[in-house]
């Protein structure tokens, strides 16, 4: 299981690197163009490309963050075993649900 988590962490990090770069480039572009938040929302609403990008972003975060947090908790605390894994799986699902809700609200609703 540790090897699978290691691989998932590295793959999600690579996906996040690309997604964060695109996200920051978009923010810089919008800022330099003098766009307001309303302008950005008007442009992104219904944009399928950005919707898919942010869906991928959300999934990568939901994979990456709990694995990293698991490593930190195992190193800094005595928490081990199934309860830790279950708690972090729940955290992953929470991140996924909140991220999907936000993405759907921005791009579809």
N, C-alpha and C. Protein backbone atom coordinates (compact mmCIF):
# COMPACT_ATOMS: atom_id res chain seq x y z
N UNK A 1 0.82 -1.20 0.00
CA UNK A 1 0.00 0.00 0.00
C UNK A 1 0.86 1.26 0.00
N UNK A 2 1.98 1.23 0.69
CA UNK A 2 2.85 2.40 0.75
C UNK A 2 3.37 2.78 -0.63
N UNK A 3 3.70 1.80 -1.44
CA UNK A 3 4.18 2.09 -2.80
C UNK A 3 3.09 2.72 -3.64
N UNK A 4 1.86 2.23 -3.50
CA UNK A 4 0.74 2.80 -4.25
C UNK A 4 0.47 4.24 -3.82
N UNK A 5 0.53 4.49 -2.52
CA UNK A 5 0.34 5.86 -2.03
C UNK A 5 1.46 6.77 -2.51
N UNK A 6 2.68 6.27 -2.50
CA UNK A 6 3.82 7.04 -2.99
C UNK A 6 3.60 7.43 -4.45
N UNK A 7 3.20 6.47 -5.26
CA UNK A 7 2.97 6.72 -6.67
C UNK A 7 1.80 7.69 -6.87
N UNK A 8 0.71 7.51 -6.14
CA UNK A 8 -0.44 8.42 -6.24
C UNK A 8 -0.06 9.83 -5.84
N UNK A 9 0.78 9.95 -4.82
CA UNK A 9 1.23 11.27 -4.37
C UNK A 9 2.04 11.97 -5.47
N UNK A 10 2.93 11.23 -6.10
CA UNK A 10 3.80 11.82 -7.13
C UNK A 10 3.01 12.17 -8.39
N UNK A 11 2.10 11.30 -8.79
CA UNK A 11 1.29 11.59 -9.98
C UNK A 11 0.38 12.79 -9.72
N UNK A 12 -0.25 12.83 -8.56
CA UNK A 12 -1.11 13.97 -8.25
C UNK A 12 -0.31 15.26 -8.13
N UNK A 13 0.93 15.17 -7.68
CA UNK A 13 1.79 16.36 -7.61
C UNK A 13 2.08 16.89 -9.00
N UNK A 14 2.34 16.00 -9.94
CA UNK A 14 2.60 16.43 -11.32
C UNK A 14 1.36 17.09 -11.92
N UNK A 15 0.19 16.51 -11.68
CA UNK A 15 -1.06 17.08 -12.17
C UNK A 15 -1.29 18.45 -11.52
N UNK A 16 -1.04 18.54 -10.23
CA UNK A 16 -1.22 19.81 -9.52
C UNK A 16 -0.26 20.88 -10.04
N UNK A 17 0.96 20.49 -10.34
CA UNK A 17 1.93 21.47 -10.86
C UNK A 17 1.39 22.11 -12.14
N UNK A 18 0.85 21.30 -13.01
CA UNK A 18 0.29 21.83 -14.26
C UNK A 18 -0.97 22.65 -13.99
N UNK A 19 -1.87 22.14 -13.17
CA UNK A 19 -3.12 22.84 -12.89
C UNK A 19 -2.87 24.17 -12.18
N UNK A 20 -1.97 24.19 -11.22
CA UNK A 20 -1.66 25.43 -10.51
C UNK A 20 -1.03 26.44 -11.46
N UNK A 21 -0.16 25.98 -12.34
CA UNK A 21 0.47 26.88 -13.31
C UNK A 21 -0.59 27.54 -14.21
N UNK A 22 -1.52 26.74 -14.72
CA UNK A 22 -2.59 27.28 -15.56
C UNK A 22 -3.47 28.23 -14.75
N UNK A 23 -3.79 27.85 -13.52
CA UNK A 23 -4.62 28.69 -12.65
C UNK A 23 -3.94 30.04 -12.39
N UNK A 24 -2.67 30.01 -12.04
CA UNK A 24 -1.95 31.27 -11.76
C UNK A 24 -1.80 32.11 -13.02
N UNK A 25 -1.54 31.48 -14.16
CA UNK A 25 -1.44 32.22 -15.41
C UNK A 25 -2.76 32.91 -15.74
N UNK A 26 -3.86 32.22 -15.47
CA UNK A 26 -5.18 32.81 -15.70
C UNK A 26 -5.42 34.00 -14.78
N UNK A 27 -5.02 33.87 -13.52
CA UNK A 27 -5.17 34.97 -12.57
C UNK A 27 -4.33 36.17 -12.99
N UNK A 28 -3.10 35.92 -13.40
CA UNK A 28 -2.23 37.02 -13.84
C UNK A 28 -2.80 37.69 -15.08
N UNK A 29 -3.26 36.89 -16.03
CA UNK A 29 -3.86 37.45 -17.24
C UNK A 29 -5.06 38.32 -16.90
N UNK A 30 -5.95 37.81 -16.05
CA UNK A 30 -7.16 38.55 -15.67
C UNK A 30 -6.80 39.83 -14.93
N UNK A 31 -5.82 39.74 -14.05
CA UNK A 31 -5.40 40.92 -13.30
C UNK A 31 -4.82 42.00 -14.19
N UNK A 32 -3.97 41.59 -15.12
CA UNK A 32 -3.35 42.56 -16.03
C UNK A 32 -4.34 43.14 -17.02
N UNK A 33 -5.38 42.37 -17.33
CA UNK A 33 -6.40 42.86 -18.24
C UNK A 33 -7.42 43.74 -17.53
N UNK A 34 -7.26 43.88 -16.20
CA UNK A 34 -8.18 44.72 -15.43
C UNK A 34 -9.54 44.10 -15.22
N UNK A 35 -9.61 42.80 -15.32
CA UNK A 35 -10.90 42.11 -15.17
C UNK A 35 -11.31 42.04 -13.71
N UNK A 36 -12.60 42.19 -13.48
CA UNK A 36 -13.15 42.02 -12.14
C UNK A 36 -13.53 40.56 -11.95
N UNK A 37 -13.89 40.21 -10.73
CA UNK A 37 -14.35 38.84 -10.47
C UNK A 37 -15.58 38.53 -11.31
N UNK A 38 -16.46 39.49 -11.47
CA UNK A 38 -17.66 39.29 -12.29
C UNK A 38 -17.29 39.02 -13.74
N UNK A 39 -16.28 39.73 -14.24
CA UNK A 39 -15.81 39.50 -15.61
C UNK A 39 -15.27 38.09 -15.78
N UNK A 40 -14.48 37.66 -14.81
CA UNK A 40 -13.90 36.32 -14.87
C UNK A 40 -15.01 35.26 -14.82
N UNK A 41 -15.96 35.43 -13.92
CA UNK A 41 -17.07 34.47 -13.83
C UNK A 41 -17.89 34.45 -15.11
N UNK A 42 -18.10 35.60 -15.72
CA UNK A 42 -18.85 35.66 -16.97
C UNK A 42 -18.13 34.89 -18.07
N UNK A 43 -16.82 34.98 -18.10
CA UNK A 43 -16.04 34.28 -19.13
C UNK A 43 -15.93 32.79 -18.87
N UNK A 44 -15.85 32.39 -17.61
CA UNK A 44 -15.65 30.98 -17.31
C UNK A 44 -16.97 30.21 -17.24
N UNK A 45 -18.07 30.90 -16.97
CA UNK A 45 -19.36 30.22 -16.84
C UNK A 45 -19.68 29.49 -18.15
N UNK A 46 -19.87 28.18 -18.05
CA UNK A 46 -20.19 27.39 -19.22
C UNK A 46 -18.98 26.98 -20.06
N UNK A 47 -17.78 27.38 -19.67
CA UNK A 47 -16.57 27.02 -20.43
C UNK A 47 -16.17 25.59 -20.07
N UNK A 48 -16.37 24.68 -21.01
CA UNK A 48 -16.12 23.27 -20.74
C UNK A 48 -14.64 22.97 -20.50
N UNK A 49 -13.76 23.68 -21.18
CA UNK A 49 -12.33 23.44 -20.99
C UNK A 49 -11.90 23.76 -19.57
N UNK A 50 -12.29 24.91 -19.07
CA UNK A 50 -11.95 25.27 -17.70
C UNK A 50 -12.66 24.38 -16.69
N UNK A 51 -13.89 23.98 -17.01
CA UNK A 51 -14.62 23.07 -16.12
C UNK A 51 -13.85 21.76 -15.95
N UNK A 52 -13.40 21.18 -17.05
CA UNK A 52 -12.64 19.92 -16.99
C UNK A 52 -11.32 20.14 -16.25
N UNK A 53 -10.64 21.25 -16.54
CA UNK A 53 -9.38 21.56 -15.85
C UNK A 53 -9.59 21.60 -14.34
N UNK A 54 -10.63 22.28 -13.89
CA UNK A 54 -10.85 22.40 -12.45
C UNK A 54 -11.38 21.11 -11.83
N UNK A 55 -12.08 20.29 -12.60
CA UNK A 55 -12.45 18.96 -12.10
C UNK A 55 -11.19 18.13 -11.84
N UNK A 56 -10.26 18.17 -12.78
CA UNK A 56 -9.00 17.45 -12.61
C UNK A 56 -8.23 18.01 -11.42
N UNK A 57 -8.23 19.33 -11.29
CA UNK A 57 -7.56 20.01 -10.18
C UNK A 57 -8.13 19.51 -8.85
N UNK A 58 -9.45 19.46 -8.74
CA UNK A 58 -10.11 19.04 -7.51
C UNK A 58 -9.76 17.59 -7.17
N UNK A 59 -9.79 16.72 -8.15
CA UNK A 59 -9.47 15.31 -7.91
C UNK A 59 -8.02 15.17 -7.46
N UNK A 60 -7.12 15.91 -8.10
CA UNK A 60 -5.70 15.85 -7.72
C UNK A 60 -5.50 16.31 -6.28
N UNK A 61 -6.18 17.37 -5.88
CA UNK A 61 -6.08 17.85 -4.50
C UNK A 61 -6.62 16.81 -3.53
N UNK A 62 -7.76 16.21 -3.89
CA UNK A 62 -8.39 15.21 -3.01
C UNK A 62 -7.52 13.97 -2.85
N UNK A 63 -6.67 13.68 -3.82
CA UNK A 63 -5.73 12.56 -3.71
C UNK A 63 -4.47 13.00 -2.96
N UNK A 64 -3.92 14.13 -3.37
CA UNK A 64 -2.61 14.57 -2.89
C UNK A 64 -2.58 14.97 -1.41
N UNK A 65 -3.51 15.82 -1.02
CA UNK A 65 -3.48 16.38 0.34
C UNK A 65 -3.62 15.32 1.44
N UNK A 66 -4.57 14.41 1.35
CA UNK A 66 -4.69 13.41 2.43
C UNK A 66 -3.48 12.48 2.54
N UNK A 67 -2.86 12.15 1.42
CA UNK A 67 -1.67 11.30 1.47
C UNK A 67 -0.54 12.03 2.18
N UNK A 68 -0.35 13.30 1.84
CA UNK A 68 0.67 14.09 2.51
C UNK A 68 0.39 14.27 3.99
N UNK A 69 -0.87 14.54 4.31
CA UNK A 69 -1.26 14.69 5.71
C UNK A 69 -1.06 13.39 6.47
N UNK A 70 -1.33 12.26 5.84
CA UNK A 70 -1.10 10.95 6.47
C UNK A 70 0.37 10.80 6.84
N UNK A 71 1.25 11.18 5.94
CA UNK A 71 2.69 11.09 6.22
C UNK A 71 3.08 11.98 7.38
N UNK A 72 2.57 13.20 7.40
CA UNK A 72 2.89 14.14 8.47
C UNK A 72 2.37 13.61 9.81
N UNK A 73 1.13 13.15 9.83
CA UNK A 73 0.55 12.65 11.08
C UNK A 73 1.29 11.41 11.59
N UNK A 74 1.69 10.54 10.69
CA UNK A 74 2.43 9.34 11.10
C UNK A 74 3.81 9.71 11.64
N UNK A 75 4.39 10.78 11.12
CA UNK A 75 5.72 11.19 11.57
C UNK A 75 5.66 11.98 12.88
N UNK A 76 4.66 12.80 13.05
CA UNK A 76 4.61 13.72 14.19
C UNK A 76 3.75 13.23 15.35
N UNK A 77 2.93 12.21 15.12
CA UNK A 77 2.06 11.73 16.19
C UNK A 77 2.20 10.21 16.32
N UNK A 78 1.48 9.66 17.26
CA UNK A 78 1.47 8.21 17.44
C UNK A 78 0.28 7.57 16.72
N UNK A 79 -0.50 8.38 15.99
CA UNK A 79 -1.68 7.88 15.31
C UNK A 79 -1.28 6.99 14.14
N UNK A 80 -1.71 5.76 14.18
CA UNK A 80 -1.40 4.77 13.15
C UNK A 80 -2.63 3.91 12.90
N UNK A 81 -2.55 3.08 11.91
CA UNK A 81 -3.55 2.05 11.70
C UNK A 81 -4.77 2.48 10.92
N UNK A 82 -5.77 1.64 11.02
CA UNK A 82 -7.00 1.79 10.24
C UNK A 82 -7.74 3.08 10.55
N UNK A 83 -7.76 3.52 11.80
CA UNK A 83 -8.50 4.74 12.14
C UNK A 83 -7.92 5.96 11.43
N UNK A 84 -6.61 6.00 11.31
CA UNK A 84 -5.96 7.10 10.58
C UNK A 84 -6.35 7.05 9.11
N UNK A 85 -6.27 5.87 8.53
CA UNK A 85 -6.60 5.72 7.11
C UNK A 85 -8.07 6.06 6.83
N UNK A 86 -8.95 5.65 7.71
CA UNK A 86 -10.38 5.94 7.55
C UNK A 86 -10.63 7.45 7.69
N UNK A 87 -9.99 8.07 8.67
CA UNK A 87 -10.16 9.52 8.87
C UNK A 87 -9.67 10.29 7.65
N UNK A 88 -8.56 9.87 7.09
CA UNK A 88 -8.01 10.59 5.93
C UNK A 88 -8.79 10.26 4.66
N UNK A 89 -9.37 9.09 4.57
CA UNK A 89 -10.26 8.79 3.44
C UNK A 89 -11.50 9.68 3.52
N UNK A 90 -12.01 9.88 4.72
CA UNK A 90 -13.15 10.79 4.91
C UNK A 90 -12.76 12.22 4.55
N UNK A 91 -11.55 12.62 4.94
CA UNK A 91 -11.05 13.94 4.59
C UNK A 91 -10.94 14.09 3.07
N UNK A 92 -10.46 13.05 2.40
CA UNK A 92 -10.35 13.07 0.93
C UNK A 92 -11.73 13.24 0.30
N UNK A 93 -12.72 12.52 0.82
CA UNK A 93 -14.08 12.64 0.29
C UNK A 93 -14.66 14.02 0.55
N UNK A 94 -14.34 14.59 1.71
CA UNK A 94 -14.80 15.95 2.02
C UNK A 94 -14.18 16.96 1.04
N UNK A 95 -12.88 16.85 0.82
CA UNK A 95 -12.23 17.74 -0.15
C UNK A 95 -12.84 17.58 -1.54
N UNK A 96 -13.07 16.35 -1.93
CA UNK A 96 -13.66 16.09 -3.23
C UNK A 96 -15.06 16.69 -3.33
N UNK A 97 -15.88 16.47 -2.33
CA UNK A 97 -17.25 16.99 -2.35
C UNK A 97 -17.28 18.52 -2.38
N UNK A 98 -16.48 19.14 -1.53
CA UNK A 98 -16.46 20.61 -1.49
C UNK A 98 -15.89 21.19 -2.78
N UNK A 99 -14.85 20.57 -3.29
CA UNK A 99 -14.25 21.04 -4.54
C UNK A 99 -15.19 20.90 -5.72
N UNK A 100 -15.88 19.75 -5.79
CA UNK A 100 -16.83 19.56 -6.88
C UNK A 100 -18.00 20.53 -6.77
N UNK A 101 -18.44 20.76 -5.55
CA UNK A 101 -19.54 21.72 -5.34
C UNK A 101 -19.13 23.12 -5.81
N UNK A 102 -17.94 23.54 -5.46
CA UNK A 102 -17.45 24.87 -5.87
C UNK A 102 -17.28 24.95 -7.38
N UNK A 103 -16.73 23.90 -7.97
CA UNK A 103 -16.51 23.89 -9.41
C UNK A 103 -17.84 23.95 -10.16
N UNK A 104 -18.79 23.16 -9.73
CA UNK A 104 -20.11 23.16 -10.37
C UNK A 104 -20.77 24.52 -10.19
N UNK A 105 -20.63 25.13 -9.02
CA UNK A 105 -21.24 26.44 -8.78
C UNK A 105 -20.66 27.51 -9.70
N UNK A 106 -19.38 27.44 -9.96
CA UNK A 106 -18.73 28.47 -10.79
C UNK A 106 -19.02 28.24 -12.27
N UNK A 107 -18.97 27.01 -12.71
CA UNK A 107 -19.03 26.75 -14.15
C UNK A 107 -20.40 26.36 -14.68
N UNK A 108 -21.28 25.86 -13.82
CA UNK A 108 -22.56 25.38 -14.34
C UNK A 108 -23.74 26.15 -13.77
N UNK A 109 -23.78 26.29 -12.46
CA UNK A 109 -24.96 26.89 -11.81
C UNK A 109 -25.15 28.34 -12.16
